[in-house]
Amino acid sequence: LEGRVEVDGQTVLELGTRVNRQSQTIHIDGELLASPRLSYFAVNKPEGVVCTASDPSGRPLVTDLLPPNVGRMFNVGRLDAETTGLIIMTNDGELAHKLAHPKFGVTKTYVARVEGIVTPAVIHKLLSGFELEDGPIKADKAHIVDVSGNESLVEVVLHSGRNRIVRRMIDFVGHPVIGLVRRQFGPIQLGPLKEGRVRELSKIEVGALL
């Protein structure tokens, strides 16, 4: 309002004006505002860590796992506190929004350890779909990884970002989840990254995301 901000050489007086810090030049009091370096990280989230900006219960945050001084970061989508595995963190807010939005169809791959012996009929039900309390759902892919004793390992691929959706789907078909890990988000794989550790994505990985 004091006329101290210029965007691409033009004084901006309107509150709430949106700018792109990567492609537009911004001056404040005649001094250039440097563009932030875009950063992209893969995090292997442990159980009990939450994907929120703050937690009234004092639980650890996924942002606590990042290197110091990386600035504000967004998590791409969320994992509930009990689920472990891959979370992508970035300061590229536009990309974070697109990757998390179901209309862009970015798939996520989960491996669930569940109660009981999962049969091909159960897999067929996951693939053919059914109605949950918040609407219809079906897996993009699903298969049995292993059966041991009275437990099974099942891999599920889907693009929905609905709350606790994998747990609710598998519970619906009669096999409550004992443990759940996300192994892949779009083209990014968790790989050998240990629980609680972080790695910066490679240029090739970032290019695949973009």
N, C-alpha and C. Protein backbone atom coordinates (compact mmCIF):
# COMPACT_ATOMS: atom_id res chain seq x y z
N LEU A 1 0.83 -1.21 0.00
CA LEU A 1 0.00 0.00 0.00
C LEU A 1 0.86 1.26 0.00
N GLU A 2 2.10 1.15 0.50
CA GLU A 2 3.03 2.30 0.51
C GLU A 2 3.79 2.41 -0.81
N GLY A 3 3.53 1.51 -1.76
CA GLY A 3 4.21 1.57 -3.04
C GLY A 3 5.66 1.16 -3.01
N ARG A 4 6.03 0.33 -2.05
CA ARG A 4 7.44 -0.06 -1.89
C ARG A 4 7.78 -1.36 -2.64
N VAL A 5 6.77 -1.99 -3.24
CA VAL A 5 6.99 -3.27 -3.91
C VAL A 5 6.80 -3.11 -5.42
N GLU A 6 7.77 -3.62 -6.18
CA GLU A 6 7.67 -3.66 -7.64
C GLU A 6 7.75 -5.10 -8.12
N VAL A 7 6.88 -5.45 -9.06
CA VAL A 7 6.92 -6.77 -9.71
C VAL A 7 7.12 -6.54 -11.20
N ASP A 8 8.21 -7.08 -11.72
CA ASP A 8 8.58 -6.89 -13.13
C ASP A 8 8.59 -5.41 -13.50
N GLY A 9 9.09 -4.59 -12.59
CA GLY A 9 9.25 -3.16 -12.86
C GLY A 9 8.02 -2.32 -12.64
N GLN A 10 6.90 -2.95 -12.26
CA GLN A 10 5.65 -2.21 -12.04
C GLN A 10 5.32 -2.17 -10.54
N THR A 11 4.99 -0.99 -10.03
CA THR A 11 4.60 -0.87 -8.62
C THR A 11 3.27 -1.58 -8.38
N VAL A 12 3.24 -2.40 -7.34
CA VAL A 12 2.03 -3.15 -7.00
C VAL A 12 1.42 -2.56 -5.73
N LEU A 13 0.15 -2.18 -5.82
CA LEU A 13 -0.54 -1.54 -4.68
C LEU A 13 -1.67 -2.40 -4.14
N GLU A 14 -2.01 -3.49 -4.82
CA GLU A 14 -3.18 -4.28 -4.42
C GLU A 14 -2.76 -5.41 -3.48
N LEU A 15 -3.40 -5.46 -2.31
CA LEU A 15 -3.14 -6.54 -1.37
C LEU A 15 -3.58 -7.88 -1.96
N GLY A 16 -2.82 -8.94 -1.67
CA GLY A 16 -3.19 -10.26 -2.16
C GLY A 16 -2.77 -10.55 -3.58
N THR A 17 -1.99 -9.65 -4.19
CA THR A 17 -1.50 -9.91 -5.54
C THR A 17 -0.61 -11.14 -5.55
N ARG A 18 -0.89 -12.07 -6.46
CA ARG A 18 -0.13 -13.32 -6.53
C ARG A 18 1.04 -13.16 -7.51
N VAL A 19 2.19 -13.67 -7.11
CA VAL A 19 3.37 -13.61 -7.97
C VAL A 19 4.05 -14.97 -7.99
N ASN A 20 4.83 -15.20 -9.03
CA ASN A 20 5.63 -16.41 -9.14
C ASN A 20 7.08 -16.03 -8.89
N ARG A 21 7.61 -16.45 -7.75
CA ARG A 21 8.96 -16.04 -7.39
C ARG A 21 10.02 -16.71 -8.25
N GLN A 22 9.63 -17.74 -9.01
CA GLN A 22 10.61 -18.39 -9.89
C GLN A 22 10.76 -17.65 -11.22
N SER A 23 9.69 -16.98 -11.69
CA SER A 23 9.73 -16.39 -13.04
C SER A 23 9.57 -14.88 -13.05
N GLN A 24 9.19 -14.27 -11.92
CA GLN A 24 8.99 -12.82 -11.89
C GLN A 24 10.04 -12.16 -11.00
N THR A 25 10.39 -10.92 -11.38
CA THR A 25 11.39 -10.15 -10.63
C THR A 25 10.68 -9.25 -9.63
N ILE A 26 11.06 -9.36 -8.37
CA ILE A 26 10.41 -8.61 -7.29
C ILE A 26 11.45 -7.73 -6.60
N HIS A 27 11.14 -6.45 -6.48
CA HIS A 27 12.00 -5.51 -5.74
C HIS A 27 11.21 -4.94 -4.56
N ILE A 28 11.87 -4.83 -3.42
CA ILE A 28 11.30 -4.17 -2.24
C ILE A 28 12.25 -3.04 -1.87
N ASP A 29 11.71 -1.82 -1.85
CA ASP A 29 12.54 -0.62 -1.60
C ASP A 29 13.73 -0.58 -2.56
N GLY A 30 13.50 -1.04 -3.79
CA GLY A 30 14.55 -0.98 -4.81
C GLY A 30 15.53 -2.12 -4.77
N GLU A 31 15.43 -3.02 -3.77
CA GLU A 31 16.37 -4.13 -3.66
C GLU A 31 15.72 -5.42 -4.15
N LEU A 32 16.47 -6.18 -4.93
CA LEU A 32 15.97 -7.43 -5.51
C LEU A 32 15.73 -8.47 -4.42
N LEU A 33 14.55 -9.09 -4.46
CA LEU A 33 14.24 -10.19 -3.55
C LEU A 33 14.65 -11.48 -4.25
N ALA A 34 15.61 -12.18 -3.66
CA ALA A 34 16.13 -13.39 -4.29
C ALA A 34 15.07 -14.49 -4.31
N SER A 35 15.04 -15.25 -5.40
CA SER A 35 14.10 -16.37 -5.50
C SER A 35 14.59 -17.52 -4.63
N PRO A 36 13.65 -18.23 -3.98
CA PRO A 36 14.07 -19.37 -3.16
C PRO A 36 14.53 -20.52 -4.05
N ARG A 37 15.49 -21.28 -3.56
CA ARG A 37 15.91 -22.49 -4.27
C ARG A 37 14.87 -23.57 -4.02
N LEU A 38 14.35 -24.13 -5.09
CA LEU A 38 13.37 -25.19 -4.95
C LEU A 38 14.07 -26.48 -4.52
N SER A 39 13.53 -27.11 -3.49
CA SER A 39 14.14 -28.32 -2.94
C SER A 39 13.09 -29.42 -2.87
N TYR A 40 13.56 -30.65 -3.04
CA TYR A 40 12.66 -31.81 -3.04
C TYR A 40 13.34 -32.93 -2.25
N PHE A 41 12.64 -33.46 -1.25
CA PHE A 41 13.20 -34.50 -0.40
C PHE A 41 12.27 -35.70 -0.33
N ALA A 42 12.87 -36.88 -0.19
CA ALA A 42 12.13 -38.08 0.16
C ALA A 42 12.40 -38.38 1.63
N VAL A 43 11.34 -38.65 2.37
CA VAL A 43 11.44 -38.96 3.80
C VAL A 43 10.80 -40.32 4.04
N ASN A 44 11.48 -41.15 4.84
CA ASN A 44 10.87 -42.41 5.27
C ASN A 44 10.27 -42.15 6.65
N LYS A 45 8.97 -41.88 6.68
CA LYS A 45 8.29 -41.48 7.92
C LYS A 45 8.13 -42.67 8.87
N PRO A 46 8.60 -42.54 10.10
CA PRO A 46 8.38 -43.60 11.07
C PRO A 46 6.96 -43.55 11.65
N GLU A 47 6.58 -44.62 12.31
CA GLU A 47 5.30 -44.66 13.00
C GLU A 47 5.28 -43.63 14.13
N GLY A 48 4.16 -42.97 14.32
CA GLY A 48 4.01 -41.99 15.39
C GLY A 48 4.33 -40.57 14.99
N VAL A 49 4.94 -40.39 13.81
CA VAL A 49 5.25 -39.05 13.30
C VAL A 49 4.06 -38.56 12.50
N VAL A 50 3.68 -37.28 12.67
CA VAL A 50 2.48 -36.76 12.02
C VAL A 50 2.84 -35.76 10.92
N CYS A 51 1.97 -35.69 9.91
CA CYS A 51 2.19 -34.83 8.74
C CYS A 51 1.38 -33.55 8.88
N THR A 52 1.61 -32.80 9.94
CA THR A 52 0.93 -31.53 10.15
C THR A 52 1.97 -30.48 10.51
N ALA A 53 1.54 -29.20 10.43
CA ALA A 53 2.45 -28.10 10.76
C ALA A 53 2.73 -28.03 12.25
N SER A 54 1.76 -28.46 13.06
CA SER A 54 1.93 -28.49 14.51
C SER A 54 0.99 -29.55 15.07
N ASP A 55 1.27 -30.00 16.27
CA ASP A 55 0.44 -31.03 16.87
C ASP A 55 0.19 -30.70 18.34
N PRO A 56 -1.10 -30.49 18.72
CA PRO A 56 -1.40 -30.13 20.11
C PRO A 56 -1.02 -31.21 21.11
N SER A 57 -0.90 -32.45 20.64
CA SER A 57 -0.52 -33.55 21.53
C SER A 57 0.99 -33.66 21.69
N GLY A 58 1.73 -32.85 20.96
CA GLY A 58 3.19 -32.86 21.10
C GLY A 58 3.88 -33.99 20.38
N ARG A 59 3.18 -34.64 19.44
CA ARG A 59 3.82 -35.73 18.70
C ARG A 59 4.87 -35.16 17.73
N PRO A 60 5.89 -35.94 17.38
CA PRO A 60 6.91 -35.45 16.44
C PRO A 60 6.30 -35.18 15.07
N LEU A 61 6.86 -34.19 14.37
CA LEU A 61 6.37 -33.78 13.05
C LEU A 61 7.32 -34.28 11.97
N VAL A 62 6.78 -34.54 10.78
CA VAL A 62 7.62 -34.99 9.68
C VAL A 62 8.64 -33.92 9.30
N THR A 63 8.29 -32.65 9.50
CA THR A 63 9.25 -31.57 9.19
C THR A 63 10.45 -31.60 10.14
N ASP A 64 10.29 -32.21 11.32
CA ASP A 64 11.42 -32.32 12.26
C ASP A 64 12.54 -33.21 11.71
N LEU A 65 12.20 -34.06 10.75
CA LEU A 65 13.19 -34.99 10.19
C LEU A 65 14.08 -34.34 9.13
N LEU A 66 13.65 -33.16 8.63
CA LEU A 66 14.39 -32.51 7.54
C LEU A 66 15.67 -31.86 8.05
N PRO A 67 16.63 -31.63 7.14
CA PRO A 67 17.85 -30.92 7.54
C PRO A 67 17.51 -29.52 8.06
N PRO A 68 18.34 -28.96 8.94
CA PRO A 68 18.07 -27.61 9.45
C PRO A 68 18.20 -26.57 8.34
N ASN A 69 17.53 -25.47 8.52
CA ASN A 69 17.64 -24.30 7.64
C ASN A 69 17.16 -24.54 6.21
N VAL A 70 16.23 -25.49 6.01
CA VAL A 70 15.69 -25.68 4.66
C VAL A 70 14.50 -24.76 4.41
N GLY A 71 14.04 -24.06 5.44
CA GLY A 71 12.92 -23.16 5.27
C GLY A 71 11.59 -23.91 5.31
N ARG A 72 10.55 -23.20 4.91
CA ARG A 72 9.21 -23.79 4.96
C ARG A 72 9.08 -24.88 3.91
N MET A 73 8.55 -26.02 4.32
CA MET A 73 8.37 -27.16 3.42
C MET A 73 6.93 -27.66 3.49
N PHE A 74 6.45 -28.14 2.36
CA PHE A 74 5.12 -28.76 2.28
C PHE A 74 5.29 -30.27 2.14
N ASN A 75 4.46 -31.05 2.84
CA ASN A 75 4.41 -32.47 2.54
C ASN A 75 3.39 -32.71 1.44
N VAL A 76 3.74 -33.55 0.49
CA VAL A 76 2.86 -33.86 -0.63
C VAL A 76 1.90 -34.95 -0.16
N GLY A 77 0.65 -34.57 0.12
CA GLY A 77 -0.28 -35.52 0.70
C GLY A 77 0.11 -35.84 2.13
N ARG A 78 -0.56 -36.83 2.69
CA ARG A 78 -0.29 -37.18 4.09
C ARG A 78 -0.29 -38.69 4.28
N LEU A 79 0.36 -39.10 5.34
CA LEU A 79 0.21 -40.45 5.87
C LEU A 79 -0.28 -40.32 7.30
N ASP A 80 -1.19 -41.20 7.72
CA ASP A 80 -1.64 -41.12 9.11
C ASP A 80 -0.50 -41.53 10.04
N ALA A 81 -0.66 -41.25 11.32
CA ALA A 81 0.44 -41.43 12.28
C ALA A 81 0.94 -42.87 12.32
N GLU A 82 0.05 -43.85 12.12
CA GLU A 82 0.44 -45.25 12.23
C GLU A 82 1.12 -45.78 10.97
N THR A 83 0.93 -45.09 9.84
CA THR A 83 1.50 -45.57 8.57
C THR A 83 2.91 -45.05 8.40
N THR A 84 3.79 -45.92 7.92
CA THR A 84 5.18 -45.54 7.69
C THR A 84 5.43 -45.42 6.19
N GLY A 85 6.63 -44.94 5.85
CA GLY A 85 7.04 -44.95 4.46
C GLY A 85 7.21 -43.60 3.82
N LEU A 86 7.09 -43.58 2.50
CA LEU A 86 7.53 -42.45 1.69
C LEU A 86 6.61 -41.23 1.78
N ILE A 87 7.22 -40.11 2.16
CA ILE A 87 6.60 -38.79 2.08
C ILE A 87 7.54 -37.91 1.26
N ILE A 88 6.99 -37.18 0.29
CA ILE A 88 7.79 -36.21 -0.46
C ILE A 88 7.58 -34.84 0.17
N MET A 89 8.68 -34.13 0.44
CA MET A 89 8.64 -32.79 1.03
C MET A 89 9.28 -31.81 0.05
N THR A 90 8.66 -30.64 -0.11
CA THR A 90 9.19 -29.65 -1.04
C THR A 90 8.73 -28.26 -0.63
N ASN A 91 9.46 -27.24 -1.11
CA ASN A 91 8.98 -25.86 -0.97
C ASN A 91 8.33 -25.38 -2.26
N ASP A 92 8.11 -26.30 -3.20
CA ASP A 92 7.41 -26.02 -4.46
C ASP A 92 5.92 -26.26 -4.20
N GLY A 93 5.23 -25.22 -3.71
CA GLY A 93 3.84 -25.37 -3.30
C GLY A 93 2.92 -25.77 -4.44
N GLU A 94 3.17 -25.23 -5.63
CA GLU A 94 2.32 -25.55 -6.78
C GLU A 94 2.42 -27.02 -7.14
N LEU A 95 3.64 -27.56 -7.16
CA LEU A 95 3.82 -28.97 -7.48
C LEU A 95 3.21 -29.85 -6.38
N ALA A 96 3.38 -29.44 -5.12
CA ALA A 96 2.82 -30.22 -4.01
C ALA A 96 1.31 -30.35 -4.17
N HIS A 97 0.66 -29.26 -4.55
CA HIS A 97 -0.80 -29.28 -4.73
C HIS A 97 -1.18 -30.22 -5.87
N LYS A 98 -0.47 -30.12 -6.99
CA LYS A 98 -0.82 -30.95 -8.14
C LYS A 98 -0.62 -32.44 -7.85
N LEU A 99 0.50 -32.77 -7.21
CA LEU A 99 0.79 -34.17 -6.94
C LEU A 99 -0.22 -34.78 -5.98
N ALA A 100 -0.74 -33.97 -5.06
CA ALA A 100 -1.66 -34.49 -4.05
C ALA A 100 -3.09 -34.57 -4.56
N HIS A 101 -3.41 -33.84 -5.64
CA HIS A 101 -4.81 -33.76 -6.08
C HIS A 101 -5.18 -35.00 -6.90
N PRO A 102 -6.27 -35.69 -6.55
CA PRO A 102 -6.61 -36.94 -7.24
C PRO A 102 -6.89 -36.78 -8.73
N LYS A 103 -7.27 -35.58 -9.18
CA LYS A 103 -7.59 -35.42 -10.61
C LYS A 103 -6.37 -35.60 -11.50
N PHE A 104 -5.17 -35.47 -10.91
CA PHE A 104 -3.95 -35.65 -11.70
C PHE A 104 -3.55 -37.13 -11.78
N GLY A 105 -4.22 -37.99 -11.00
CA GLY A 105 -4.05 -39.43 -11.13
C GLY A 105 -2.69 -39.96 -10.74
N VAL A 106 -1.98 -39.30 -9.81
CA VAL A 106 -0.68 -39.80 -9.38
C VAL A 106 -0.89 -41.00 -8.47
N THR A 107 -0.32 -42.14 -8.83
CA THR A 107 -0.55 -43.35 -8.05
C THR A 107 0.42 -43.47 -6.88
N LYS A 108 -0.06 -44.13 -5.84
CA LYS A 108 0.76 -44.45 -4.68
C LYS A 108 0.72 -45.95 -4.46
N THR A 109 1.86 -46.53 -4.08
CA THR A 109 1.95 -47.97 -3.85
C THR A 109 2.17 -48.24 -2.37
N TYR A 110 1.33 -49.10 -1.81
CA TYR A 110 1.38 -49.45 -0.39
C TYR A 110 1.55 -50.96 -0.24
N VAL A 111 2.25 -51.37 0.80
CA VAL A 111 2.30 -52.77 1.19
C VAL A 111 1.70 -52.86 2.59
N ALA A 112 0.67 -53.71 2.71
CA ALA A 112 -0.05 -53.85 3.98
C ALA A 112 0.15 -55.26 4.53
N ARG A 113 0.47 -55.33 5.83
CA ARG A 113 0.45 -56.62 6.53
C ARG A 113 -0.90 -56.70 7.23
N VAL A 114 -1.67 -57.73 6.93
CA VAL A 114 -3.06 -57.77 7.37
C VAL A 114 -3.36 -59.08 8.08
N GLU A 115 -4.43 -59.06 8.86
CA GLU A 115 -4.89 -60.26 9.54
C GLU A 115 -5.57 -61.20 8.53
N GLY A 116 -5.36 -62.50 8.70
CA GLY A 116 -6.06 -63.49 7.91
C GLY A 116 -5.38 -63.81 6.59
N ILE A 117 -5.92 -64.82 5.92
CA ILE A 117 -5.39 -65.28 4.64
C ILE A 117 -6.17 -64.62 3.51
N VAL A 118 -5.50 -63.73 2.79
CA VAL A 118 -6.14 -63.03 1.67
C VAL A 118 -6.23 -63.97 0.47
N THR A 119 -7.39 -64.06 -0.13
CA THR A 119 -7.62 -64.94 -1.27
C THR A 119 -7.72 -64.13 -2.56
N PRO A 120 -7.62 -64.79 -3.70
CA PRO A 120 -7.83 -64.08 -4.99
C PRO A 120 -9.18 -63.39 -5.06
N ALA A 121 -10.20 -63.95 -4.40
CA ALA A 121 -11.52 -63.33 -4.41
C ALA A 121 -11.49 -61.96 -3.72
N VAL A 122 -10.69 -61.84 -2.65
CA VAL A 122 -10.54 -60.57 -1.95
C VAL A 122 -9.85 -59.55 -2.86
N ILE A 123 -8.80 -59.99 -3.56
CA ILE A 123 -8.10 -59.10 -4.50
C ILE A 123 -9.05 -58.64 -5.59
N HIS A 124 -9.87 -59.55 -6.09
CA HIS A 124 -10.85 -59.18 -7.13
C HIS A 124 -11.81 -58.11 -6.61
N LYS A 125 -12.20 -58.24 -5.35
CA LYS A 125 -13.12 -57.25 -4.77
C LYS A 125 -12.45 -55.87 -4.67
N LEU A 126 -11.17 -55.86 -4.28
CA LEU A 126 -10.43 -54.59 -4.21
C LEU A 126 -10.33 -53.94 -5.58
N LEU A 127 -10.15 -54.76 -6.61
CA LEU A 127 -9.99 -54.24 -7.97
C LEU A 127 -11.31 -53.84 -8.62
N SER A 128 -12.37 -54.55 -8.28
CA SER A 128 -13.67 -54.24 -8.89
C SER A 128 -14.37 -53.08 -8.19
N GLY A 129 -14.05 -52.86 -6.91
CA GLY A 129 -14.55 -51.69 -6.21
C GLY A 129 -15.79 -51.96 -5.37
N PHE A 130 -16.07 -51.01 -4.50
CA PHE A 130 -17.22 -51.09 -3.59
C PHE A 130 -17.50 -49.71 -3.04
N GLU A 131 -18.55 -49.59 -2.29
CA GLU A 131 -18.99 -48.31 -1.75
C GLU A 131 -18.56 -48.17 -0.30
N LEU A 132 -17.84 -47.11 0.02
CA LEU A 132 -17.53 -46.75 1.40
C LEU A 132 -18.43 -45.59 1.82
N GLU A 133 -18.32 -45.16 3.08
CA GLU A 133 -19.21 -44.12 3.58
C GLU A 133 -19.02 -42.78 2.87
N ASP A 134 -17.83 -42.58 2.26
CA ASP A 134 -17.57 -41.32 1.55
C ASP A 134 -17.51 -41.52 0.04
N GLY A 135 -18.11 -42.61 -0.47
CA GLY A 135 -18.20 -42.78 -1.90
C GLY A 135 -17.54 -44.04 -2.40
N PRO A 136 -17.68 -44.32 -3.71
CA PRO A 136 -17.11 -45.54 -4.28
C PRO A 136 -15.58 -45.48 -4.33
N ILE A 137 -14.96 -46.66 -4.29
CA ILE A 137 -13.50 -46.74 -4.33
C ILE A 137 -13.10 -48.08 -4.93
N LYS A 138 -11.99 -48.09 -5.66
CA LYS A 138 -11.40 -49.34 -6.10
C LYS A 138 -9.90 -49.13 -6.28
N ALA A 139 -9.15 -50.21 -6.13
CA ALA A 139 -7.71 -50.15 -6.31
C ALA A 139 -7.37 -50.12 -7.79
N ASP A 140 -6.30 -49.40 -8.15
CA ASP A 140 -5.81 -49.43 -9.52
C ASP A 140 -5.13 -50.77 -9.80
N LYS A 141 -4.40 -51.26 -8.81
CA LYS A 141 -3.76 -52.58 -8.88
C LYS A 141 -3.76 -53.16 -7.47
N ALA A 142 -3.73 -54.48 -7.38
CA ALA A 142 -3.61 -55.15 -6.08
C ALA A 142 -3.17 -56.59 -6.32
N HIS A 143 -2.29 -57.07 -5.46
CA HIS A 143 -1.93 -58.48 -5.54
C HIS A 143 -1.39 -58.96 -4.19
N ILE A 144 -1.42 -60.29 -4.01
CA ILE A 144 -0.91 -60.92 -2.79
C ILE A 144 0.60 -61.05 -2.93
N VAL A 145 1.34 -60.54 -1.93
CA VAL A 145 2.79 -60.65 -1.93
C VAL A 145 3.23 -61.93 -1.23
N ASP A 146 2.58 -62.23 -0.09
CA ASP A 146 2.99 -63.39 0.70
C ASP A 146 1.88 -63.73 1.68
N VAL A 147 1.81 -65.01 2.06
CA VAL A 147 0.92 -65.47 3.12
C VAL A 147 1.74 -66.31 4.08
N SER A 148 1.67 -65.97 5.37
CA SER A 148 2.43 -66.71 6.37
C SER A 148 1.59 -66.83 7.63
N GLY A 149 1.33 -68.08 8.04
CA GLY A 149 0.49 -68.30 9.21
C GLY A 149 -0.89 -67.73 8.97
N ASN A 150 -1.32 -66.87 9.89
CA ASN A 150 -2.64 -66.25 9.74
C ASN A 150 -2.52 -64.77 9.37
N GLU A 151 -1.45 -64.45 8.63
CA GLU A 151 -1.25 -63.07 8.16
C GLU A 151 -0.92 -63.09 6.67
N SER A 152 -1.20 -61.97 6.01
CA SER A 152 -0.89 -61.84 4.58
C SER A 152 -0.23 -60.49 4.32
N LEU A 153 0.59 -60.45 3.28
CA LEU A 153 1.14 -59.20 2.75
C LEU A 153 0.45 -58.91 1.43
N VAL A 154 -0.10 -57.71 1.32
CA VAL A 154 -0.83 -57.32 0.12
C VAL A 154 -0.29 -55.99 -0.39
N GLU A 155 -0.03 -55.91 -1.70
CA GLU A 155 0.38 -54.64 -2.32
C GLU A 155 -0.84 -54.02 -2.99
N VAL A 156 -1.06 -52.74 -2.70
CA VAL A 156 -2.20 -52.01 -3.26
C VAL A 156 -1.69 -50.73 -3.92
N VAL A 157 -2.13 -50.47 -5.14
CA VAL A 157 -1.79 -49.24 -5.86
C VAL A 157 -3.08 -48.48 -6.12
N LEU A 158 -3.10 -47.20 -5.74
CA LEU A 158 -4.28 -46.39 -6.03
C LEU A 158 -3.90 -44.92 -6.09
N HIS A 159 -4.78 -44.12 -6.71
CA HIS A 159 -4.49 -42.69 -6.85
C HIS A 159 -5.34 -41.83 -5.93
N SER A 160 -6.24 -42.43 -5.18
CA SER A 160 -7.06 -41.67 -4.25
C SER A 160 -6.22 -41.15 -3.08
N GLY A 161 -6.54 -39.94 -2.61
CA GLY A 161 -5.85 -39.39 -1.46
C GLY A 161 -6.76 -39.27 -0.25
N ARG A 162 -7.89 -40.00 -0.28
CA ARG A 162 -8.84 -39.88 0.82
C ARG A 162 -8.25 -40.39 2.13
N ASN A 163 -8.75 -39.86 3.23
CA ASN A 163 -8.21 -40.11 4.56
C ASN A 163 -8.24 -41.60 4.91
N ARG A 164 -7.07 -42.15 5.25
CA ARG A 164 -6.92 -43.54 5.71
C ARG A 164 -7.54 -44.53 4.73
N ILE A 165 -7.49 -44.22 3.44
CA ILE A 165 -8.26 -44.97 2.46
C ILE A 165 -7.80 -46.42 2.35
N VAL A 166 -6.49 -46.69 2.39
CA VAL A 166 -6.01 -48.07 2.25
C VAL A 166 -6.47 -48.91 3.43
N ARG A 167 -6.33 -48.37 4.63
CA ARG A 167 -6.78 -49.10 5.83
C ARG A 167 -8.28 -49.39 5.74
N ARG A 168 -9.06 -48.40 5.32
CA ARG A 168 -10.51 -48.59 5.27
C ARG A 168 -10.91 -49.60 4.20
N MET A 169 -10.21 -49.58 3.06
CA MET A 169 -10.51 -50.54 2.00
C MET A 169 -10.25 -51.97 2.44
N ILE A 170 -9.09 -52.19 3.03
CA ILE A 170 -8.72 -53.56 3.40
C ILE A 170 -9.55 -54.04 4.59
N ASP A 171 -9.87 -53.13 5.49
CA ASP A 171 -10.76 -53.49 6.59
C ASP A 171 -12.15 -53.87 6.05
N PHE A 172 -12.61 -53.18 5.03
CA PHE A 172 -13.93 -53.43 4.44
C PHE A 172 -14.02 -54.85 3.87
N VAL A 173 -12.92 -55.35 3.30
CA VAL A 173 -12.94 -56.70 2.72
C VAL A 173 -12.57 -57.76 3.74
N GLY A 174 -12.52 -57.37 5.02
CA GLY A 174 -12.41 -58.36 6.09
C GLY A 174 -11.02 -58.70 6.57
N HIS A 175 -10.05 -57.83 6.32
CA HIS A 175 -8.67 -58.12 6.73
C HIS A 175 -8.05 -56.87 7.38
N PRO A 176 -8.29 -56.63 8.66
CA PRO A 176 -7.75 -55.44 9.32
C PRO A 176 -6.24 -55.33 9.18
N VAL A 177 -5.78 -54.10 9.00
CA VAL A 177 -4.35 -53.84 8.77
C VAL A 177 -3.58 -53.90 10.10
N ILE A 178 -2.48 -54.66 10.07
CA ILE A 178 -1.56 -54.71 11.21
C ILE A 178 -0.45 -53.68 11.03
N GLY A 179 0.05 -53.57 9.81
CA GLY A 179 1.09 -52.60 9.50
C GLY A 179 0.96 -52.14 8.06
N LEU A 180 1.29 -50.87 7.80
CA LEU A 180 1.12 -50.32 6.45
C LEU A 180 2.29 -49.41 6.12
N VAL A 181 2.88 -49.62 4.94
CA VAL A 181 4.00 -48.79 4.50
C VAL A 181 3.76 -48.34 3.06
N ARG A 182 4.05 -47.06 2.78
CA ARG A 182 3.98 -46.58 1.40
C ARG A 182 5.37 -46.72 0.78
N ARG A 183 5.42 -47.47 -0.33
CA ARG A 183 6.70 -47.77 -0.97
C ARG A 183 7.01 -46.86 -2.15
N GLN A 184 5.97 -46.24 -2.73
CA GLN A 184 6.20 -45.45 -3.94
C GLN A 184 5.16 -44.36 -4.07
N PHE A 185 5.57 -43.20 -4.57
CA PHE A 185 4.66 -42.08 -4.85
C PHE A 185 4.98 -41.62 -6.26
N GLY A 186 4.05 -41.88 -7.22
CA GLY A 186 4.35 -41.55 -8.61
C GLY A 186 5.62 -42.27 -9.04
N PRO A 187 6.59 -41.54 -9.61
CA PRO A 187 7.82 -42.18 -10.06
C PRO A 187 8.87 -42.35 -8.96
N ILE A 188 8.60 -41.84 -7.77
CA ILE A 188 9.61 -41.85 -6.70
C ILE A 188 9.44 -43.09 -5.82
N GLN A 189 10.52 -43.84 -5.64
CA GLN A 189 10.49 -45.04 -4.82
C GLN A 189 11.21 -44.82 -3.49
N LEU A 190 10.70 -45.50 -2.46
CA LEU A 190 11.34 -45.41 -1.14
C LEU A 190 12.72 -46.04 -1.17
N GLY A 191 12.84 -47.19 -1.86
CA GLY A 191 14.13 -47.85 -1.98
C GLY A 191 14.71 -48.23 -0.63
N PRO A 192 16.03 -48.16 -0.49
CA PRO A 192 16.68 -48.61 0.76
C PRO A 192 16.73 -47.54 1.86
N LEU A 193 16.05 -46.41 1.65
CA LEU A 193 16.10 -45.34 2.64
C LEU A 193 15.58 -45.84 3.99
N LYS A 194 16.37 -45.71 5.03
CA LYS A 194 16.00 -46.24 6.34
C LYS A 194 14.95 -45.37 7.01
N GLU A 195 14.19 -45.97 7.91
CA GLU A 195 13.13 -45.27 8.62
C GLU A 195 13.70 -44.08 9.39
N GLY A 196 13.04 -42.92 9.24
CA GLY A 196 13.49 -41.72 9.93
C GLY A 196 14.55 -40.93 9.18
N ARG A 197 15.02 -41.47 8.05
CA ARG A 197 16.06 -40.78 7.29
C ARG A 197 15.48 -40.01 6.11
N VAL A 198 16.29 -39.11 5.57
CA VAL A 198 15.88 -38.20 4.50
C VAL A 198 16.94 -38.21 3.41
N ARG A 199 16.51 -38.10 2.17
CA ARG A 199 17.47 -37.88 1.08
C ARG A 199 16.89 -36.87 0.10
N GLU A 200 17.75 -36.07 -0.50
CA GLU A 200 17.31 -35.11 -1.51
C GLU A 200 17.11 -35.86 -2.83
N LEU A 201 16.03 -35.54 -3.54
CA LEU A 201 15.77 -36.20 -4.80
C LEU A 201 16.81 -35.79 -5.84
N SER A 202 17.14 -36.73 -6.72
CA SER A 202 18.08 -36.44 -7.80
C SER A 202 17.42 -35.58 -8.86
N LYS A 203 18.22 -35.00 -9.74
CA LYS A 203 17.66 -34.20 -10.83
C LYS A 203 16.75 -35.02 -11.73
N ILE A 204 17.13 -36.28 -11.94
CA ILE A 204 16.30 -37.16 -12.77
C ILE A 204 14.93 -37.40 -12.09
N GLU A 205 14.95 -37.62 -10.78
CA GLU A 205 13.70 -37.84 -10.04
C GLU A 205 12.82 -36.59 -10.07
N VAL A 206 13.43 -35.43 -9.86
CA VAL A 206 12.67 -34.18 -9.89
C VAL A 206 12.06 -33.97 -11.27
N GLY A 207 12.85 -34.25 -12.29
CA GLY A 207 12.34 -34.14 -13.66
C GLY A 207 11.15 -35.06 -13.89
N ALA A 208 11.20 -36.26 -13.36
CA ALA A 208 10.09 -37.21 -13.50
C ALA A 208 8.85 -36.69 -12.79
N LEU A 209 9.04 -36.10 -11.60
CA LEU A 209 7.91 -35.52 -10.87
C LEU A 209 7.28 -34.37 -11.66
N LEU A 210 8.12 -33.49 -12.19
CA LEU A 210 7.62 -32.32 -12.91
C LEU A 210 6.93 -32.71 -14.20
